[in-house]
Amino acid sequence: MKGLIAKKVGMTQVFDENGNLTPVTVIQVEPNTVIATKTKEKHGYDAVVLGLDDMKESKVNKAYKGQFSENVSPKKILKEFRDFESEKEVAVGDQIGLELFEKTSFLDVTATSKGKGFQGVMKRWGFHGGRASHGSKFHREAGGTGNCTTPGHSMKNIKMAGRMGSERVTVQNLKIVKIDPELKVLLVRGAVPGNKKSTLIIKSAVKK
């Protein structure tokens, strides 16, 4: 498993050699710092903890600072990657960047999707609703949600209005279109979840 912490920049489009247009998402990948390493002998499994974005000294308490070694400044974002793969062995304090994905073609991207607030059944679940014509009296509603006298209530897990979005979402098998080491950006085909500047977890694709 190869993985890094990154930031979403936004979407754009690029043309290939044949003139075909491809919509892409621009992902900023700053070097991740190795915070800790875990081994099967000591912790029961192999893993690497990566960190991104330095914190102000005034914002760090002793309990949080205790998990960082002396040569590593406290980071805002921490993520543990199990069974981490790298061409060379990593140690605490090392920097890992885009070079990790040089031989990778497809990625899985995980993030928190955009929050949509409280939505009705048509937007949230794709219900068709009733006729839009005059006199229908049934337009954008859910319709019946329960049975008759028995059991006399709506059953669990019925699709109804409620809060939409702001969930952990993973998009799989996104093709890497281009890697730019100078700008420290990665272009992947298609869209990824989250707002601009949101934190992403990018990993080598599980299925491809």
Protein backbone atom coordinates (compact mmCIF):
# COMPACT_ATOMS: atom_id res chain seq x y z
CA MET A 1 0.00 0.00 0.00
CA LYS A 2 1.36 3.39 -1.06
CA GLY A 3 -0.32 6.48 0.38
CA LEU A 4 0.10 10.18 1.10
CA ILE A 5 -1.81 13.10 2.58
CA ALA A 6 -2.65 15.76 -0.02
CA LYS A 7 -4.84 18.82 -0.69
CA LYS A 8 -7.46 19.38 -3.38
CA VAL A 9 -6.78 22.41 -5.60
CA GLY A 10 -9.70 22.19 -8.02
CA MET A 11 -10.71 20.93 -11.46
CA THR A 12 -9.53 21.81 -14.96
CA GLN A 13 -9.17 20.09 -18.33
CA VAL A 14 -6.23 18.94 -20.44
CA PHE A 15 -5.76 17.72 -24.01
CA ASP A 16 -3.77 14.62 -24.96
CA GLU A 17 -1.62 14.04 -28.07
CA ASN A 18 -4.71 13.12 -30.14
CA GLY A 19 -6.60 16.26 -29.11
CA ASN A 20 -9.01 14.46 -26.78
CA LEU A 21 -10.22 16.55 -23.85
CA THR A 22 -9.95 15.02 -20.37
CA PRO A 23 -11.45 16.56 -17.20
CA VAL A 24 -8.92 16.34 -14.37
CA THR A 25 -8.63 17.19 -10.69
CA VAL A 26 -5.48 18.99 -9.55
CA ILE A 27 -4.09 17.59 -6.28
CA GLN A 28 -1.34 19.41 -4.35
CA VAL A 29 1.09 16.93 -2.78
CA GLU A 30 3.52 18.58 -0.37
CA PRO A 31 6.21 16.30 1.14
CA ASN A 32 4.80 14.21 3.99
CA THR A 33 6.91 13.73 7.12
CA VAL A 34 7.28 10.30 8.70
CA ILE A 35 6.09 10.72 12.30
CA ALA A 36 6.37 7.12 13.48
CA THR A 37 6.84 3.57 12.24
CA LYS A 38 5.10 0.49 13.61
CA THR A 39 6.33 -3.09 13.35
CA LYS A 40 4.62 -6.46 13.65
CA GLU A 41 6.95 -7.52 16.48
CA LYS A 42 6.14 -4.52 18.68
CA HIS A 43 2.66 -3.35 17.62
CA GLY A 44 1.17 -6.42 15.94
CA TYR A 45 1.14 -4.92 12.42
CA ASP A 46 3.36 -2.93 10.06
CA ALA A 47 2.47 0.72 9.45
CA VAL A 48 3.83 4.19 8.88
CA VAL A 49 2.34 7.38 10.38
CA LEU A 50 2.63 10.43 8.10
CA GLY A 51 2.05 14.08 8.98
CA LEU A 52 1.37 17.27 7.02
CA ASP A 53 1.26 21.02 7.84
CA ASP A 54 3.31 22.40 10.73
CA MET A 55 1.50 23.67 13.82
CA LYS A 56 2.25 26.84 15.75
CA GLU A 57 4.17 26.19 18.94
CA SER A 58 1.52 28.06 20.96
CA LYS A 59 -1.21 25.70 19.68
CA VAL A 60 0.52 22.47 20.79
CA ASN A 61 -0.03 21.01 24.26
CA LYS A 62 2.31 18.56 25.98
CA ALA A 63 0.09 15.53 25.39
CA TYR A 64 -0.06 16.11 21.62
CA LYS A 65 3.62 17.03 21.36
CA GLY A 66 4.64 13.81 23.11
CA GLN A 67 4.03 11.66 20.02
CA PHE A 68 6.60 13.59 17.95
CA SER A 69 10.34 12.99 18.17
CA GLU A 70 12.76 15.86 18.80
CA ASN A 71 13.72 16.30 15.15
CA VAL A 72 10.07 16.46 13.94
CA SER A 73 7.85 19.51 14.41
CA PRO A 74 4.20 18.84 15.41
CA LYS A 75 1.84 18.44 12.45
CA LYS A 76 -1.84 19.36 12.06
CA ILE A 77 -2.86 16.31 10.00
CA LEU A 78 -1.82 12.75 10.88
CA LYS A 79 -2.66 9.55 9.01
CA GLU A 80 -1.58 5.95 9.53
CA PHE A 81 -0.95 3.78 6.46
CA ARG A 82 -0.84 0.03 7.09
CA ASP A 83 1.54 -2.19 5.11
CA PHE A 84 3.22 0.89 3.65
CA GLU A 85 5.34 0.20 0.56
CA SER A 86 8.36 2.22 -0.52
CA GLU A 87 11.43 1.50 -2.65
CA LYS A 88 13.65 2.42 0.29
CA GLU A 89 13.16 1.94 4.02
CA VAL A 90 11.65 4.93 5.76
CA ALA A 91 12.67 6.30 9.15
CA VAL A 92 11.22 8.91 11.49
CA GLY A 93 11.85 12.40 10.11
CA ASP A 94 12.08 11.35 6.45
CA GLN A 95 10.23 13.32 3.76
CA ILE A 96 8.07 11.43 1.23
CA GLY A 97 6.69 13.20 -1.83
CA LEU A 98 5.36 12.61 -5.33
CA GLU A 99 8.22 10.26 -6.19
CA LEU A 100 6.24 7.56 -4.34
CA PHE A 101 3.74 7.34 -7.24
CA GLU A 102 6.18 7.46 -10.16
CA LYS A 103 5.42 3.84 -11.10
CA THR A 104 1.71 3.98 -10.19
CA SER A 105 -1.06 4.36 -12.79
CA PHE A 106 -4.28 4.41 -10.73
CA LEU A 107 -5.23 5.93 -7.36
CA ASP A 108 -7.98 5.65 -4.76
CA VAL A 109 -8.88 9.03 -3.22
CA THR A 110 -10.65 9.38 0.15
CA ALA A 111 -12.08 12.63 1.55
CA THR A 112 -15.11 14.18 3.24
CA SER A 113 -17.77 15.05 0.65
CA LYS A 114 -19.36 18.50 0.40
CA GLY A 115 -22.12 19.12 2.94
CA LYS A 116 -25.52 19.83 1.34
CA GLY A 117 -27.49 20.52 4.52
CA PHE A 118 -31.06 19.25 5.10
CA GLN A 119 -32.49 18.06 1.78
CA GLY A 120 -35.73 16.51 0.57
CA VAL A 121 -36.15 13.06 -0.90
CA MET A 122 -35.84 14.20 -4.53
CA LYS A 123 -32.38 15.71 -4.14
CA ARG A 124 -31.16 13.27 -1.49
CA TRP A 125 -32.37 9.97 -2.96
CA GLY A 126 -33.36 10.82 -6.55
CA PHE A 127 -37.13 10.33 -6.10
CA HIS A 128 -39.20 11.40 -9.14
CA GLY A 129 -42.01 12.99 -7.15
CA GLY A 130 -45.47 13.58 -8.57
CA ARG A 131 -46.68 15.38 -11.70
CA ALA A 132 -45.72 19.02 -12.09
CA SER A 133 -49.04 19.84 -13.76
CA HIS A 134 -51.73 22.04 -12.19
CA GLY A 135 -54.09 20.38 -9.74
CA SER A 136 -51.83 17.42 -8.95
CA LYS A 137 -51.40 18.24 -5.22
CA PHE A 138 -48.42 15.86 -5.17
CA HIS A 139 -45.16 17.33 -6.45
CA ARG A 140 -41.89 16.97 -4.52
CA GLU A 141 -43.01 14.78 -1.64
CA ALA A 142 -41.99 11.32 -0.45
CA GLY A 143 -45.45 9.79 -0.53
CA GLY A 144 -46.48 7.10 1.93
CA THR A 145 -43.79 5.85 4.32
CA GLY A 146 -45.63 3.34 6.51
CA ASN A 147 -48.13 0.48 6.57
CA CYS A 148 -51.72 0.44 7.75
CA THR A 149 -52.86 -0.30 11.33
CA THR A 150 -50.33 -3.12 11.57
CA PRO A 151 -47.62 -2.23 12.54
CA GLY A 152 -48.88 1.36 12.47
CA HIS A 153 -45.49 3.04 12.06
CA SER A 154 -42.76 3.62 9.50
CA MET A 155 -40.15 0.86 9.31
CA LYS A 156 -36.45 1.51 9.84
CA ASN A 157 -34.11 2.54 7.00
CA ILE A 158 -36.81 4.12 4.83
CA LYS A 159 -35.43 6.76 2.48
CA MET A 160 -36.67 10.10 3.81
CA ALA A 161 -35.59 13.73 3.97
CA GLY A 162 -32.53 14.49 6.07
CA ARG A 163 -28.96 15.73 6.15
CA MET A 164 -27.04 15.10 2.94
CA GLY A 165 -23.31 15.02 2.27
CA SER A 166 -20.41 15.62 4.67
CA GLU A 167 -19.60 11.89 4.64
CA ARG A 168 -16.38 9.96 4.17
CA VAL A 169 -16.25 8.98 0.50
CA THR A 170 -13.69 6.97 -1.49
CA VAL A 171 -13.47 7.21 -5.28
CA GLN A 172 -11.60 4.26 -6.79
CA ASN A 173 -9.47 3.71 -9.89
CA LEU A 174 -8.71 7.31 -10.86
CA LYS A 175 -6.11 7.34 -13.62
CA ILE A 176 -3.02 9.49 -13.11
CA VAL A 177 -2.84 11.81 -16.13
CA LYS A 178 0.29 13.76 -15.19
CA ILE A 179 2.78 14.24 -12.35
CA ASP A 180 4.59 17.60 -12.05
CA PRO A 181 7.42 17.36 -9.45
CA GLU A 182 8.31 21.07 -9.80
CA LEU A 183 4.83 22.33 -8.95
CA LYS A 184 4.27 19.35 -6.60
CA VAL A 185 0.92 18.58 -8.21
CA LEU A 186 -0.80 15.46 -9.46
CA LEU A 187 -3.49 15.37 -12.16
CA VAL A 188 -6.05 12.56 -11.97
CA ARG A 189 -8.87 11.90 -14.43
CA GLY A 190 -12.33 12.69 -13.07
CA ALA A 191 -13.62 14.26 -9.87
CA VAL A 192 -12.69 13.65 -6.23
CA PRO A 193 -14.85 14.36 -3.16
CA GLY A 194 -14.51 17.46 -1.00
CA ASN A 195 -14.27 21.23 -1.30
CA LYS A 196 -11.28 23.12 -2.65
CA LYS A 197 -8.33 23.11 -0.21
CA SER A 198 -9.82 20.09 1.58
CA THR A 199 -7.59 17.27 2.83
CA LEU A 200 -7.35 14.12 0.71
CA ILE A 201 -5.92 10.66 1.38
CA ILE A 202 -4.47 9.30 -1.86
CA LYS A 203 -3.49 5.62 -2.11
CA SER A 204 -2.45 3.21 -4.81
CA ALA A 205 -5.58 1.59 -6.25
CA VAL A 206 -6.69 -1.63 -4.57
CA LYS A 207 -8.53 -3.07 -7.59
CA LYS A 208 -6.09 -2.02 -10.35
